[in-house]
Amino acid sequence: IKSHFNFLMNNIIASKLTAYNELIANFNNLQLITVSHYSRATIKYYLPERNVEPYVCYSPIKLFNYYNGNVLPEELKSKFNISEYRYFLFCNAKRVRKNNSIALLAFDKFLSKAGRQDLKAVVLGSSERYEKYILKKIKNISNFIFSSYVERDEFEALYKFAHLFVFPSILEGFGYPPIE
């Protein structure tokens, strides 16, 4: 399987790229717009038959209301069993390719080696399946709090009062949380 995997993937990718090139070729006045120079370079690389010059236009959407409270809201303290600046905030948990697992394992190792049982990991964007997977690998289970989704105002408050915001990634082209 391993010896044929690259051949298979290259054929799948090639057929998709051919389809995209054919689709784009049907438009005479096509203007592609993307959110980063990374994605612009990717488009140019994968669509070389079409001499495209994607326009980079960062999103004008205001993502945050910017939580202005001076303390972490009590409902979040009790929901996650945390207090201000005593937790690390992790995002995109169930997107395994973003390397969150490696970051969580490193945090778990840090807790053990440093003896910092007072710190917690608030892990957002999780799922039951991911939770089961990662909990089998960590030792300090009680220091990890998982949540699938939080509302924007909750995220802002959690973000503001985190000791550290962790956004592990691999080949991240454009991540809004680090930009903010």
C-alpha atoms as a PDB file:
ATOM      1  CA  ILE A   1       0.000   0.000   0.000  1.00  0.00           C
ATOM      2  CA  LYS A   2       2.784   2.384   0.935  1.00  0.00           C
ATOM      3  CA  SER A   3       4.506   2.005  -2.428  1.00  0.00           C
ATOM      4  CA  HIS A   4       1.264   2.739  -4.304  1.00  0.00           C
ATOM      5  CA  PHE A   5      -0.003   5.497  -1.996  1.00  0.00           C
ATOM      6  CA  ASN A   6       1.992   8.329  -3.587  1.00  0.00           C
ATOM      7  CA  PHE A   7       0.986   7.183  -7.078  1.00  0.00           C
ATOM      8  CA  LEU A   8      -2.676   7.029  -6.047  1.00  0.00           C
ATOM      9  CA  MET A   9      -2.639  10.405  -4.280  1.00  0.00           C
ATOM     10  CA  ASN A  10      -0.836  12.079  -7.171  1.00  0.00           C
ATOM     11  CA  ASN A  11      -3.454  10.753  -9.591  1.00  0.00           C
ATOM     12  CA  ILE A  12      -6.320  11.945  -7.367  1.00  0.00           C
ATOM     13  CA  ILE A  13      -4.735  15.378  -6.935  1.00  0.00           C
ATOM     14  CA  ALA A  14      -3.949  15.596 -10.654  1.00  0.00           C
ATOM     15  CA  SER A  15      -7.550  14.786 -11.614  1.00  0.00           C
ATOM     16  CA  LYS A  16      -8.903  17.398  -9.178  1.00  0.00           C
ATOM     17  CA  LEU A  17      -6.464  20.029 -10.463  1.00  0.00           C
ATOM     18  CA  THR A  18      -7.436  19.247 -14.034  1.00  0.00           C
ATOM     19  CA  ALA A  19     -11.096  19.704 -13.106  1.00  0.00           C
ATOM     20  CA  TYR A  20     -10.364  23.049 -11.379  1.00  0.00           C
ATOM     21  CA  ASN A  21      -8.310  24.269 -14.324  1.00  0.00           C
ATOM     22  CA  GLU A  22     -11.135  23.339 -16.722  1.00  0.00           C
ATOM     23  CA  LEU A  23     -13.679  25.106 -14.517  1.00  0.00           C
ATOM     24  CA  ILE A  24     -11.573  28.253 -14.297  1.00  0.00           C
ATOM     25  CA  ALA A  25     -10.854  28.169 -18.042  1.00  0.00           C
ATOM     26  CA  ASN A  26     -14.599  28.644 -18.692  1.00  0.00           C
ATOM     27  CA  PHE A  27     -14.534  32.093 -17.126  1.00  0.00           C
ATOM     28  CA  ASN A  28     -13.077  34.942 -19.152  1.00  0.00           C
ATOM     29  CA  ASN A  29     -13.030  37.692 -16.536  1.00  0.00           C
ATOM     30  CA  LEU A  30     -12.220  35.639 -13.486  1.00  0.00           C
ATOM     31  CA  GLN A  31     -10.779  37.352 -10.428  1.00  0.00           C
ATOM     32  CA  LEU A  32      -9.792  35.092  -7.535  1.00  0.00           C
ATOM     33  CA  ILE A  33      -9.776  36.603  -4.053  1.00  0.00           C
ATOM     34  CA  THR A  34      -8.085  34.943  -1.109  1.00  0.00           C
ATOM     35  CA  VAL A  35      -7.335  35.799   2.522  1.00  0.00           C
ATOM     36  CA  SER A  36      -3.545  35.412   2.614  1.00  0.00           C
ATOM     37  CA  HIS A  37      -0.377  35.456   0.569  1.00  0.00           C
ATOM     38  CA  TYR A  38       0.125  31.808   1.516  1.00  0.00           C
ATOM     39  CA  SER A  39      -3.154  30.778  -0.122  1.00  0.00           C
ATOM     40  CA  ARG A  40      -2.358  33.051  -3.087  1.00  0.00           C
ATOM     41  CA  ALA A  41       0.938  31.224  -3.633  1.00  0.00           C
ATOM     42  CA  THR A  42      -0.829  27.877  -3.269  1.00  0.00           C
ATOM     43  CA  ILE A  43      -3.402  28.813  -5.917  1.00  0.00           C
ATOM     44  CA  LYS A  44      -0.682  29.939  -8.317  1.00  0.00           C
ATOM     45  CA  TYR A  45       1.295  26.754  -7.717  1.00  0.00           C
ATOM     46  CA  TYR A  46      -1.601  24.355  -8.227  1.00  0.00           C
ATOM     47  CA  LEU A  47      -3.235  26.198 -11.120  1.00  0.00           C
ATOM     48  CA  PRO A  48      -0.239  26.985 -13.340  1.00  0.00           C
ATOM     49  CA  GLU A  49      -2.105  26.420 -16.616  1.00  0.00           C
ATOM     50  CA  ARG A  50      -4.226  29.439 -15.892  1.00  0.00           C
ATOM     51  CA  ASN A  51      -2.240  32.621 -15.494  1.00  0.00           C
ATOM     52  CA  VAL A  52      -4.130  33.776 -12.399  1.00  0.00           C
ATOM     53  CA  GLU A  53      -3.133  36.588 -10.089  1.00  0.00           C
ATOM     54  CA  PRO A  54      -5.260  36.128  -6.978  1.00  0.00           C
ATOM     55  CA  TYR A  55      -5.973  39.290  -5.051  1.00  0.00           C
ATOM     56  CA  VAL A  56      -5.208  39.141  -1.321  1.00  0.00           C
ATOM     57  CA  CYS A  57      -7.948  40.731   0.715  1.00  0.00           C
ATOM     58  CA  TYR A  58      -7.816  40.213   4.433  1.00  0.00           C
ATOM     59  CA  SER A  59     -11.228  39.822   5.969  1.00  0.00           C
ATOM     60  CA  PRO A  60     -12.781  43.094   7.110  1.00  0.00           C
ATOM     61  CA  ILE A  61     -15.032  41.236   9.503  1.00  0.00           C
ATOM     62  CA  LYS A  62     -14.628  42.321  13.101  1.00  0.00           C
ATOM     63  CA  LEU A  63     -14.191  38.983  14.781  1.00  0.00           C
ATOM     64  CA  PHE A  64     -14.254  40.092  18.377  1.00  0.00           C
ATOM     65  CA  ASN A  65     -16.294  42.446  20.466  1.00  0.00           C
ATOM     66  CA  TYR A  66     -13.278  42.654  22.779  1.00  0.00           C
ATOM     67  CA  TYR A  67     -14.489  41.546  26.190  1.00  0.00           C
ATOM     68  CA  ASN A  68     -14.049  44.529  28.505  1.00  0.00           C
ATOM     69  CA  GLY A  69     -14.740  42.906  31.862  1.00  0.00           C
ATOM     70  CA  ASN A  70     -12.049  43.017  34.526  1.00  0.00           C
ATOM     71  CA  VAL A  71     -12.676  39.492  35.772  1.00  0.00           C
ATOM     72  CA  LEU A  72     -13.512  36.145  34.263  1.00  0.00           C
ATOM     73  CA  PRO A  73     -17.324  35.770  34.448  1.00  0.00           C
ATOM     74  CA  GLU A  74     -18.501  33.528  37.279  1.00  0.00           C
ATOM     75  CA  GLU A  75     -20.444  31.274  34.878  1.00  0.00           C
ATOM     76  CA  LEU A  76     -17.214  30.485  33.007  1.00  0.00           C
ATOM     77  CA  LYS A  77     -15.303  29.952  36.241  1.00  0.00           C
ATOM     78  CA  SER A  78     -17.831  27.384  37.378  1.00  0.00           C
ATOM     79  CA  LYS A  79     -18.428  25.846  33.922  1.00  0.00           C
ATOM     80  CA  PHE A  80     -14.716  25.122  33.430  1.00  0.00           C
ATOM     81  CA  ASN A  81     -13.614  25.082  37.104  1.00  0.00           C
ATOM     82  CA  ILE A  82     -10.920  27.698  36.410  1.00  0.00           C
ATOM     83  CA  SER A  83      -9.744  31.083  37.641  1.00  0.00           C
ATOM     84  CA  GLU A  84      -8.018  33.993  35.934  1.00  0.00           C
ATOM     85  CA  TYR A  85      -4.542  33.313  34.527  1.00  0.00           C
ATOM     86  CA  ARG A  86      -4.476  29.742  35.885  1.00  0.00           C
ATOM     87  CA  TYR A  87      -5.194  27.980  32.562  1.00  0.00           C
ATOM     88  CA  PHE A  88      -3.744  27.531  29.111  1.00  0.00           C
ATOM     89  CA  LEU A  89      -6.266  27.973  26.305  1.00  0.00           C
ATOM     90  CA  PHE A  90      -6.037  25.533  23.375  1.00  0.00           C
ATOM     91  CA  CYS A  91      -8.120  25.869  20.176  1.00  0.00           C
ATOM     92  CA  ASN A  92      -8.999  23.579  17.241  1.00  0.00           C
ATOM     93  CA  ALA A  93      -8.694  20.400  19.281  1.00  0.00           C
ATOM     94  CA  LYS A  94     -10.450  17.972  16.983  1.00  0.00           C
ATOM     95  CA  ARG A  95      -8.464  19.081  13.949  1.00  0.00           C
ATOM     96  CA  VAL A  96      -5.735  16.519  14.543  1.00  0.00           C
ATOM     97  CA  ARG A  97      -3.595  17.741  11.648  1.00  0.00           C
ATOM     98  CA  LYS A  98      -3.131  21.039  13.509  1.00  0.00           C
ATOM     99  CA  ASN A  99      -0.863  19.227  16.008  1.00  0.00           C
ATOM    100  CA  ASN A 100      -2.996  19.948  19.059  1.00  0.00           C
ATOM    101  CA  SER A 101      -2.319  16.468  20.416  1.00  0.00           C
ATOM    102  CA  ILE A 102       1.415  17.142  20.526  1.00  0.00           C
ATOM    103  CA  ALA A 103       0.816  20.439  22.343  1.00  0.00           C
ATOM    104  CA  LEU A 104      -1.509  18.784  24.883  1.00  0.00           C
ATOM    105  CA  LEU A 105       0.989  15.985  25.526  1.00  0.00           C
ATOM    106  CA  ALA A 106       3.724  18.591  26.014  1.00  0.00           C
ATOM    107  CA  PHE A 107       1.495  20.480  28.473  1.00  0.00           C
ATOM    108  CA  ASP A 108       0.801  17.236  30.350  1.00  0.00           C
ATOM    109  CA  LYS A 109       4.543  16.548  30.548  1.00  0.00           C
ATOM    110  CA  PHE A 110       5.125  20.105  31.781  1.00  0.00           C
ATOM    111  CA  LEU A 111       2.537  19.626  34.543  1.00  0.00           C
ATOM    112  CA  SER A 112       4.255  16.433  35.701  1.00  0.00           C
ATOM    113  CA  LYS A 113       7.823  17.707  35.532  1.00  0.00           C
ATOM    114  CA  ALA A 114       7.146  21.152  37.026  1.00  0.00           C
ATOM    115  CA  GLY A 115       4.627  19.904  39.582  1.00  0.00           C
ATOM    116  CA  ARG A 116       2.167  22.590  38.485  1.00  0.00           C
ATOM    117  CA  GLN A 117      -1.117  20.938  39.385  1.00  0.00           C
ATOM    118  CA  ASP A 118      -2.610  24.428  39.826  1.00  0.00           C
ATOM    119  CA  LEU A 119      -2.710  24.972  36.035  1.00  0.00           C
ATOM    120  CA  LYS A 120      -5.394  23.657  33.713  1.00  0.00           C
ATOM    121  CA  ALA A 121      -5.771  23.178  29.988  1.00  0.00           C
ATOM    122  CA  VAL A 122      -9.026  24.493  28.555  1.00  0.00           C
ATOM    123  CA  VAL A 123      -9.350  22.689  25.233  1.00  0.00           C
ATOM    124  CA  LEU A 124     -11.880  24.162  22.807  1.00  0.00           C
ATOM    125  CA  GLY A 125     -13.209  22.682  19.584  1.00  0.00           C
ATOM    126  CA  SER A 126     -13.097  19.151  20.940  1.00  0.00           C
ATOM    127  CA  SER A 127     -15.275  16.104  20.343  1.00  0.00           C
ATOM    128  CA  GLU A 128     -16.061  12.970  22.354  1.00  0.00           C
ATOM    129  CA  ARG A 129     -13.957  10.892  20.010  1.00  0.00           C
ATOM    130  CA  TYR A 130     -10.965  13.221  20.329  1.00  0.00           C
ATOM    131  CA  GLU A 131     -11.370  13.384  24.105  1.00  0.00           C
ATOM    132  CA  LYS A 132     -11.283   9.586  24.423  1.00  0.00           C
ATOM    133  CA  TYR A 133      -8.221   9.476  22.194  1.00  0.00           C
ATOM    134  CA  ILE A 134      -6.188  12.096  24.082  1.00  0.00           C
ATOM    135  CA  LEU A 135      -7.268  11.078  27.602  1.00  0.00           C
ATOM    136  CA  LYS A 136      -5.691   7.659  27.022  1.00  0.00           C
ATOM    137  CA  LYS A 137      -2.347   9.390  26.482  1.00  0.00           C
ATOM    138  CA  ILE A 138      -2.199  11.944  29.311  1.00  0.00           C
ATOM    139  CA  LYS A 139      -1.437  11.446  33.012  1.00  0.00           C
ATOM    140  CA  ASN A 140      -2.900  14.583  34.618  1.00  0.00           C
ATOM    141  CA  ILE A 141      -6.472  14.005  33.453  1.00  0.00           C
ATOM    142  CA  SER A 142      -8.063  16.285  36.062  1.00  0.00           C
ATOM    143  CA  ASN A 143      -6.110  19.256  34.665  1.00  0.00           C
ATOM    144  CA  PHE A 144      -7.797  19.027  31.250  1.00  0.00           C
ATOM    145  CA  ILE A 145     -11.190  20.540  30.487  1.00  0.00           C
ATOM    146  CA  PHE A 146     -12.734  19.904  27.069  1.00  0.00           C
ATOM    147  CA  SER A 147     -15.478  21.795  25.283  1.00  0.00           C
ATOM    148  CA  SER A 148     -16.791  21.362  21.773  1.00  0.00           C
ATOM    149  CA  TYR A 149     -17.919  24.907  21.119  1.00  0.00           C
ATOM    150  CA  VAL A 150     -18.248  28.137  23.039  1.00  0.00           C
ATOM    151  CA  GLU A 151     -20.034  31.315  22.098  1.00  0.00           C
ATOM    152  CA  ARG A 152     -17.934  34.220  20.848  1.00  0.00           C
ATOM    153  CA  ASP A 153     -18.299  36.254  24.043  1.00  0.00           C
ATOM    154  CA  GLU A 154     -17.250  33.229  26.104  1.00  0.00           C
ATOM    155  CA  PHE A 155     -14.221  32.715  23.859  1.00  0.00           C
ATOM    156  CA  GLU A 156     -13.226  36.355  24.221  1.00  0.00           C
ATOM    157  CA  ALA A 157     -13.357  36.165  28.010  1.00  0.00           C
ATOM    158  CA  LEU A 158     -11.473  32.854  28.072  1.00  0.00           C
ATOM    159  CA  TYR A 159      -8.900  34.306  25.685  1.00  0.00           C
ATOM    160  CA  LYS A 160      -8.444  37.463  27.740  1.00  0.00           C
ATOM    161  CA  PHE A 161      -7.847  35.698  31.056  1.00  0.00           C
ATOM    162  CA  ALA A 162      -5.755  32.749  29.868  1.00  0.00           C
ATOM    163  CA  HIS A 163      -2.234  32.492  31.227  1.00  0.00           C
ATOM    164  CA  LEU A 164      -1.182  31.400  27.751  1.00  0.00           C
ATOM    165  CA  PHE A 165      -2.994  31.027  24.437  1.00  0.00           C
ATOM    166  CA  VAL A 166      -1.820  27.960  22.510  1.00  0.00           C
ATOM    167  CA  PHE A 167      -2.537  27.733  18.797  1.00  0.00           C
ATOM    168  CA  PRO A 168      -0.579  24.723  17.548  1.00  0.00           C
ATOM    169  CA  SER A 169      -0.463  24.372  13.824  1.00  0.00           C
ATOM    170  CA  ILE A 170       1.278  22.917  10.853  1.00  0.00           C
ATOM    171  CA  LEU A 171       1.628  25.015   7.718  1.00  0.00           C
ATOM    172  CA  GLU A 172      -0.912  27.525   8.979  1.00  0.00           C
ATOM    173  CA  GLY A 173      -1.681  29.927   6.198  1.00  0.00           C
ATOM    174  CA  PHE A 174      -4.003  32.238   8.038  1.00  0.00           C
ATOM    175  CA  GLY A 175      -5.315  31.813  11.573  1.00  0.00           C
ATOM    176  CA  TYR A 176      -7.634  34.493  12.896  1.00  0.00           C
ATOM    177  CA  PRO A 177      -7.063  33.898  16.649  1.00  0.00           C
ATOM    178  CA  PRO A 178      -3.296  34.594  16.484  1.00  0.00           C
ATOM    179  CA  ILE A 179      -3.926  37.657  14.313  1.00  0.00           C
ATOM    180  CA  GLU A 180      -6.321  39.020  16.935  1.00  0.00           C
END
